[in-house]
Protein backbone atom coordinates (compact mmCIF):
# COMPACT_ATOMS: atom_id res chain seq x y z
CA UNK A 1 -7.52 -47.58 -102.07
CA UNK A 2 -6.21 -51.02 -100.94
CA UNK A 3 -8.03 -54.21 -100.57
CA UNK A 4 -8.46 -57.27 -98.43
CA UNK A 5 -6.07 -56.85 -95.49
CA UNK A 6 -5.37 -53.18 -95.89
CA UNK A 7 -9.00 -52.56 -96.78
CA UNK A 8 -9.75 -53.78 -93.24
CA UNK A 9 -7.19 -51.52 -91.61
CA UNK A 10 -8.40 -48.52 -93.59
CA UNK A 11 -10.87 -46.04 -92.74
CA UNK A 12 -11.96 -46.96 -90.67
CA UNK A 13 -11.83 -50.54 -91.41
CA UNK A 14 -13.54 -50.86 -90.17
CA UNK A 15 -14.69 -54.34 -90.60
CA UNK A 16 -13.28 -56.65 -87.94
CA UNK A 17 -14.86 -59.83 -89.28
CA UNK A 18 -12.74 -59.82 -92.46
CA UNK A 19 -10.33 -62.82 -92.60
CA UNK A 20 -6.60 -62.25 -93.05
CA UNK A 21 -5.54 -65.94 -93.26
CA UNK A 22 -5.69 -66.11 -97.02
CA UNK A 23 -2.56 -64.00 -97.38
CA UNK A 24 -0.03 -66.19 -95.85
CA UNK A 25 0.10 -68.92 -98.44
CA UNK A 26 -0.41 -66.86 -101.61
CA UNK A 27 2.38 -65.85 -103.99
CA UNK A 28 5.17 -67.74 -102.37
CA UNK A 29 8.49 -65.99 -102.89
CA UNK A 30 9.87 -66.46 -106.39
CA UNK A 31 12.88 -65.09 -108.26
CA UNK A 32 11.04 -65.05 -111.55
CA UNK A 33 10.04 -61.53 -112.76
CA UNK A 34 6.27 -60.99 -112.60
CA UNK A 35 4.57 -59.08 -115.47
CA UNK A 36 1.93 -56.83 -113.93
CA UNK A 37 -1.16 -57.15 -116.14
CA UNK A 38 -3.36 -54.22 -115.23
CA UNK A 39 -6.11 -54.74 -117.82
CA UNK A 40 -7.72 -57.84 -116.29
CA UNK A 41 -11.43 -58.00 -117.23
CA UNK A 42 -14.07 -57.69 -114.58
CA UNK A 43 -14.74 -61.43 -114.57
CA UNK A 44 -11.19 -62.14 -113.32
CA UNK A 45 -11.42 -59.75 -110.35
CA UNK A 46 -12.43 -60.68 -106.86
CA UNK A 47 -15.35 -59.19 -105.01
CA UNK A 48 -14.98 -61.11 -101.76
CA UNK A 49 -14.83 -58.18 -99.37
CA UNK A 50 -17.57 -56.06 -97.78
CA UNK A 51 -18.75 -52.61 -98.99
CA UNK A 52 -17.22 -49.52 -97.49
CA UNK A 53 -19.05 -48.59 -94.29
CA UNK A 54 -21.99 -46.10 -94.83
CA UNK A 55 -20.55 -43.58 -92.45
CA UNK A 56 -17.49 -42.90 -94.62
CA UNK A 57 -19.39 -42.72 -98.02
CA UNK A 58 -20.08 -39.11 -98.98
CA UNK A 59 -21.56 -39.96 -102.42
CA UNK A 60 -21.87 -42.95 -104.74
CA UNK A 61 -22.36 -46.61 -104.28
CA UNK A 62 -19.81 -49.04 -102.77
CA UNK A 63 -19.34 -51.41 -105.75
CA UNK A 64 -15.68 -52.47 -106.18
CA UNK A 65 -13.42 -55.35 -106.96
CA UNK A 66 -9.69 -56.20 -106.97
CA UNK A 67 -7.06 -58.53 -108.21
CA UNK A 68 -3.84 -59.33 -106.37
CA UNK A 69 -0.86 -59.35 -108.66
CA UNK A 70 1.99 -59.92 -106.25
CA UNK A 71 2.62 -60.59 -102.57
CA UNK A 72 6.11 -60.60 -101.19
CA UNK A 73 7.94 -57.83 -99.25
CA UNK A 74 5.35 -55.63 -100.94
CA UNK A 75 1.70 -56.02 -101.99
CA UNK A 76 0.75 -55.13 -105.60
CA UNK A 77 -2.88 -55.07 -106.62
CA UNK A 78 -5.29 -53.52 -109.02
CA UNK A 79 -8.43 -51.96 -107.55
CA UNK A 80 -11.55 -50.95 -109.45
CA UNK A 81 -14.56 -48.91 -108.24
CA UNK A 82 -17.72 -47.39 -109.57
CA UNK A 83 -17.81 -43.60 -108.90
CA UNK A 84 -17.46 -43.10 -105.16
CA UNK A 85 -16.41 -40.38 -102.69
CA UNK A 86 -15.05 -41.41 -99.27
CA UNK A 87 -14.10 -39.53 -96.12
CA UNK A 88 -10.64 -40.72 -94.99
CA UNK A 89 -9.32 -40.23 -91.47
CA UNK A 90 -5.74 -40.99 -90.56
CA UNK A 91 -4.77 -43.27 -93.51
CA UNK A 92 -2.83 -46.15 -91.85
CA UNK A 93 -0.06 -46.72 -94.40
CA UNK A 94 2.09 -45.19 -97.09
CA UNK A 95 0.55 -46.22 -100.46
CA UNK A 96 1.83 -45.72 -104.00
CA UNK A 97 -0.99 -45.38 -106.63
CA UNK A 98 -0.99 -45.17 -110.38
CA UNK A 99 -4.29 -44.35 -112.08
CA UNK A 100 -5.18 -46.81 -114.75
CA UNK A 101 -8.56 -45.46 -115.81
CA UNK A 102 -10.88 -42.84 -114.56
CA UNK A 103 -9.86 -39.92 -112.28
CA UNK A 104 -8.69 -39.77 -108.68
CA UNK A 105 -9.15 -36.53 -106.67
CA UNK A 106 -7.56 -36.18 -103.25
CA UNK A 107 -8.41 -33.23 -101.08
CA UNK A 108 -7.02 -32.25 -97.68
CA UNK A 109 -9.11 -29.84 -95.65
CA UNK A 110 -8.21 -26.25 -96.33
CA UNK A 111 -6.08 -27.11 -99.52
CA UNK A 112 -6.82 -27.27 -103.20
CA UNK A 113 -7.92 -30.61 -104.54
CA UNK A 114 -5.21 -32.69 -106.30
CA UNK A 115 -6.46 -34.27 -109.54
CA UNK A 116 -4.80 -37.45 -110.98
CA UNK A 117 -5.70 -38.68 -114.43
CA UNK A 118 -4.75 -41.78 -116.31
CA UNK A 119 -1.03 -42.44 -116.13
CA UNK A 120 -0.58 -40.15 -113.21
CA UNK A 121 1.02 -41.52 -109.99
CA UNK A 122 0.74 -40.34 -106.40
CA UNK A 123 2.22 -41.26 -103.03
CA UNK A 124 -0.46 -41.14 -100.37
CA UNK A 125 1.33 -40.74 -97.02
CA UNK A 126 0.44 -42.51 -93.87
CA UNK A 127 -1.78 -40.18 -91.82
CA UNK A 128 -3.54 -38.65 -94.80
CA UNK A 129 -6.92 -37.21 -93.77
CA UNK A 130 -9.32 -35.80 -96.25
CA UNK A 131 -11.54 -36.68 -99.23
CA UNK A 132 -10.78 -39.60 -101.61
CA UNK A 133 -12.96 -39.33 -104.79
CA UNK A 134 -12.90 -41.82 -107.66
CA UNK A 135 -14.61 -40.77 -110.84
CA UNK A 136 -15.63 -42.63 -113.92
CA UNK A 137 -14.76 -46.33 -114.36
CA UNK A 138 -12.00 -45.98 -111.76
CA UNK A 139 -9.07 -48.42 -111.68
CA UNK A 140 -5.71 -48.07 -110.02
CA UNK A 141 -2.51 -49.97 -109.47
CA UNK A 142 -1.44 -49.85 -105.86
CA UNK A 143 1.72 -50.81 -103.98
CA UNK A 144 2.26 -50.96 -100.22
CA UNK A 145 4.85 -52.50 -98.00
CA UNK A 146 3.90 -56.03 -96.63
CA UNK A 147 4.90 -54.95 -93.04
CA UNK A 148 2.47 -52.02 -93.36
CA UNK A 149 -0.58 -54.30 -92.98
CA UNK A 150 0.76 -56.81 -90.48
CA UNK A 151 -1.35 -55.19 -87.75
CA UNK A 152 -4.41 -54.55 -89.89
CA UNK A 153 -6.65 -56.47 -87.51
CA UNK A 154 -5.44 -54.22 -84.63
CA UNK A 155 -6.21 -50.95 -86.53
CA UNK A 156 -9.56 -52.42 -87.49
CA UNK A 157 -10.40 -53.13 -83.88
CA UNK A 158 -9.32 -49.60 -82.78
CA UNK A 159 -11.43 -47.92 -85.40
CA UNK A 160 -14.38 -50.24 -84.91
CA UNK A 161 -14.28 -49.57 -81.15
CA UNK A 162 -14.21 -45.78 -81.68
CA UNK A 163 -17.02 -46.09 -84.27
CA UNK A 164 -19.27 -48.24 -82.01
CA UNK A 165 -18.99 -45.52 -79.29
CA UNK A 166 -19.77 -42.67 -81.72
CA UNK A 167 -22.77 -44.60 -83.05
CA UNK A 168 -24.23 -45.47 -79.63
CA UNK A 169 -23.81 -49.18 -80.28
CA UNK A 170 -23.59 -50.03 -76.62
CA UNK A 171 -23.17 -53.80 -76.67
CA UNK A 172 -20.66 -53.68 -79.63
CA UNK A 173 -18.72 -51.02 -77.82
CA UNK A 174 -18.44 -53.08 -74.64
CA UNK A 175 -17.59 -56.21 -76.60
CA UNK A 176 -14.13 -54.73 -77.16
CA UNK A 177 -13.32 -54.77 -73.47
CA UNK A 178 -11.60 -57.92 -71.99
CA UNK A 179 -13.12 -59.50 -68.92
CA UNK A 180 -12.13 -57.55 -65.89
CA UNK A 181 -10.77 -54.62 -67.90
CA UNK A 182 -9.57 -51.59 -66.00
CA UNK A 183 -11.22 -48.33 -67.03
CA UNK A 184 -10.19 -44.89 -65.72
CA UNK A 185 -11.82 -41.54 -66.40
CA UNK A 186 -9.69 -38.75 -65.09
CA UNK A 187 -8.25 -39.82 -61.75
CA UNK A 188 -10.91 -42.35 -60.90
CA UNK A 189 -11.33 -46.02 -61.71
CA UNK A 190 -14.81 -47.05 -63.11
CA UNK A 191 -16.32 -50.42 -62.56
CA UNK A 192 -16.89 -51.85 -66.07
CA UNK A 193 -20.27 -53.31 -65.14
CA UNK A 194 -21.47 -50.02 -63.69
CA UNK A 195 -20.17 -48.18 -66.71
CA UNK A 196 -22.24 -50.53 -68.95
CA UNK A 197 -25.32 -49.99 -66.87
CA UNK A 198 -24.90 -46.24 -66.97
CA UNK A 199 -24.71 -46.19 -70.81
CA UNK A 200 -27.65 -48.53 -71.18
CA UNK A 201 -29.79 -46.32 -68.92
CA UNK A 202 -28.69 -43.10 -70.69
CA UNK A 203 -29.60 -44.50 -74.03
CA UNK A 204 -32.98 -45.67 -72.77
CA UNK A 205 -33.66 -42.21 -71.46
CA UNK A 206 -32.92 -40.54 -74.75
CA UNK A 207 -29.37 -39.53 -74.26
CA UNK A 208 -26.23 -40.64 -76.08
CA UNK A 209 -23.23 -39.52 -78.09
CA UNK A 210 -23.68 -36.92 -80.75
CA UNK A 211 -20.03 -36.60 -81.79
CA UNK A 212 -16.90 -38.57 -81.08
CA UNK A 213 -13.91 -37.64 -83.32
CA UNK A 214 -10.61 -39.49 -82.90
CA UNK A 215 -7.45 -37.87 -84.20
CA UNK A 216 -3.62 -38.07 -83.88
CA UNK A 217 -3.79 -41.84 -83.40
CA UNK A 218 -0.48 -43.41 -82.47
CA UNK A 219 -0.06 -47.12 -82.10
CA UNK A 220 2.86 -49.12 -80.60
CA UNK A 221 2.91 -52.87 -80.89
CA UNK A 222 4.89 -54.75 -78.28
CA UNK A 223 7.47 -57.42 -79.20
CA UNK A 224 5.67 -60.63 -79.82
CA UNK A 225 2.81 -58.85 -81.48
CA UNK A 226 0.09 -59.74 -78.95
CA UNK A 227 -0.02 -56.52 -76.97
CA UNK A 228 -0.24 -52.90 -78.08
CA UNK A 229 -0.78 -49.35 -76.73
CA UNK A 230 -2.82 -46.78 -78.72
CA UNK A 231 -3.06 -43.13 -77.92
CA UNK A 232 -5.32 -40.47 -79.44
CA UNK A 233 -7.00 -37.17 -79.07
CA UNK A 234 -10.80 -37.38 -78.59
CA UNK A 235 -13.32 -34.57 -79.22
CA UNK A 236 -16.74 -35.55 -77.75
CA UNK A 237 -20.22 -34.17 -77.49
CA UNK A 238 -22.76 -36.04 -75.41
CA UNK A 239 -26.44 -35.46 -74.96
CA UNK A 240 -28.00 -35.98 -71.48
CA UNK A 241 -31.41 -37.37 -71.00
CA UNK A 242 -32.92 -33.90 -70.58
CA UNK A 243 -31.51 -32.88 -74.01
CA UNK A 244 -28.64 -30.70 -72.84
CA UNK A 245 -25.26 -31.36 -74.38
CA UNK A 246 -21.71 -31.14 -73.09
CA UNK A 247 -18.53 -30.95 -75.15
CA UNK A 248 -15.19 -32.19 -73.95
CA UNK A 249 -11.70 -32.74 -75.30
CA UNK A 250 -9.48 -35.56 -73.94
CA UNK A 251 -6.43 -37.65 -74.34
CA UNK A 252 -7.08 -41.48 -74.37
CA UNK A 253 -4.65 -44.30 -73.84
CA UNK A 254 -5.78 -47.82 -74.55
CA UNK A 255 -3.83 -51.02 -73.79
CA UNK A 256 -4.80 -53.80 -76.15
CA UNK A 257 -4.15 -57.53 -75.89
CA UNK A 258 -4.78 -60.24 -78.38
CA UNK A 259 -6.98 -62.83 -76.59
CA UNK A 260 -8.12 -65.93 -78.40
CA UNK A 261 -7.32 -64.25 -81.71
CA UNK A 262 -9.27 -61.04 -81.02
CA UNK A 263 -7.90 -57.67 -79.89
CA UNK A 264 -9.38 -56.56 -76.59
CA UNK A 265 -8.91 -53.60 -74.38
CA UNK A 266 -7.43 -54.55 -70.95
CA UNK A 267 -6.92 -50.89 -69.73
CA UNK A 268 -8.40 -47.59 -70.90
CA UNK A 269 -7.45 -44.17 -69.46
CA UNK A 270 -9.56 -41.26 -70.69
CA UNK A 271 -8.22 -37.92 -69.29
CA UNK A 272 -9.99 -34.63 -69.98
CA UNK A 273 -8.09 -31.60 -71.19
CA UNK A 274 -8.53 -28.31 -69.46
CA UNK A 275 -8.59 -25.02 -71.36
CA UNK A 276 -5.12 -24.24 -70.07
CA UNK A 277 -3.82 -27.42 -71.67
């Protein structure tokens, strides 16, 4: 796993409140070789980041810590966790891992688990989706490109927005929309205030989202870094007030803009997919 900045981008990152400002001034570029001490005691490791979100924990307790060893064109850190199994969806970066203690088991759906013991190394590719299991007193050395996490706060916002919708957190979901955002469903524009009222009334009547799975996420950041476009495939099941459910598949395109330091949706287009498509 990766900590701090990448930790936020990951999984569903899911944690938009995590600060990224501490990275810029640390480990200023030096030409002196850096010895990577991977046996740091617990007392020297940091615990200043939140636990993994409950919805991605399959088993175990989220008790973990890290120590940053180097920051330059790459990030090098050690990460330690008590036994924990996580559900990973669309891993946001390429990450190199060497197991220092314990066991790492990575499983892609439909494939045999890959087991990595002490001294083993693995390259976890961007887009990895599956199960990430850490056994024993788990510790790893991880390496990622600095540029890989430059947009960690954007990925955190995208996943938190999707998660808020899936969890029926109405106010949190709508907090990601910019004032006056344009929202389209199919070929019709929806008034954002009316959309909010509709969801509030549906929830009050006993309806809501039962399933909202996002996949095939693609993100393109515009020059300047303050605007981006995300596209994804959405599988949704919604429960009406009378208890009946409807399942739909759709493509979604979201236009994001960084406003006062926070990523907001200025335009969303949700287009249903017919059986022929």
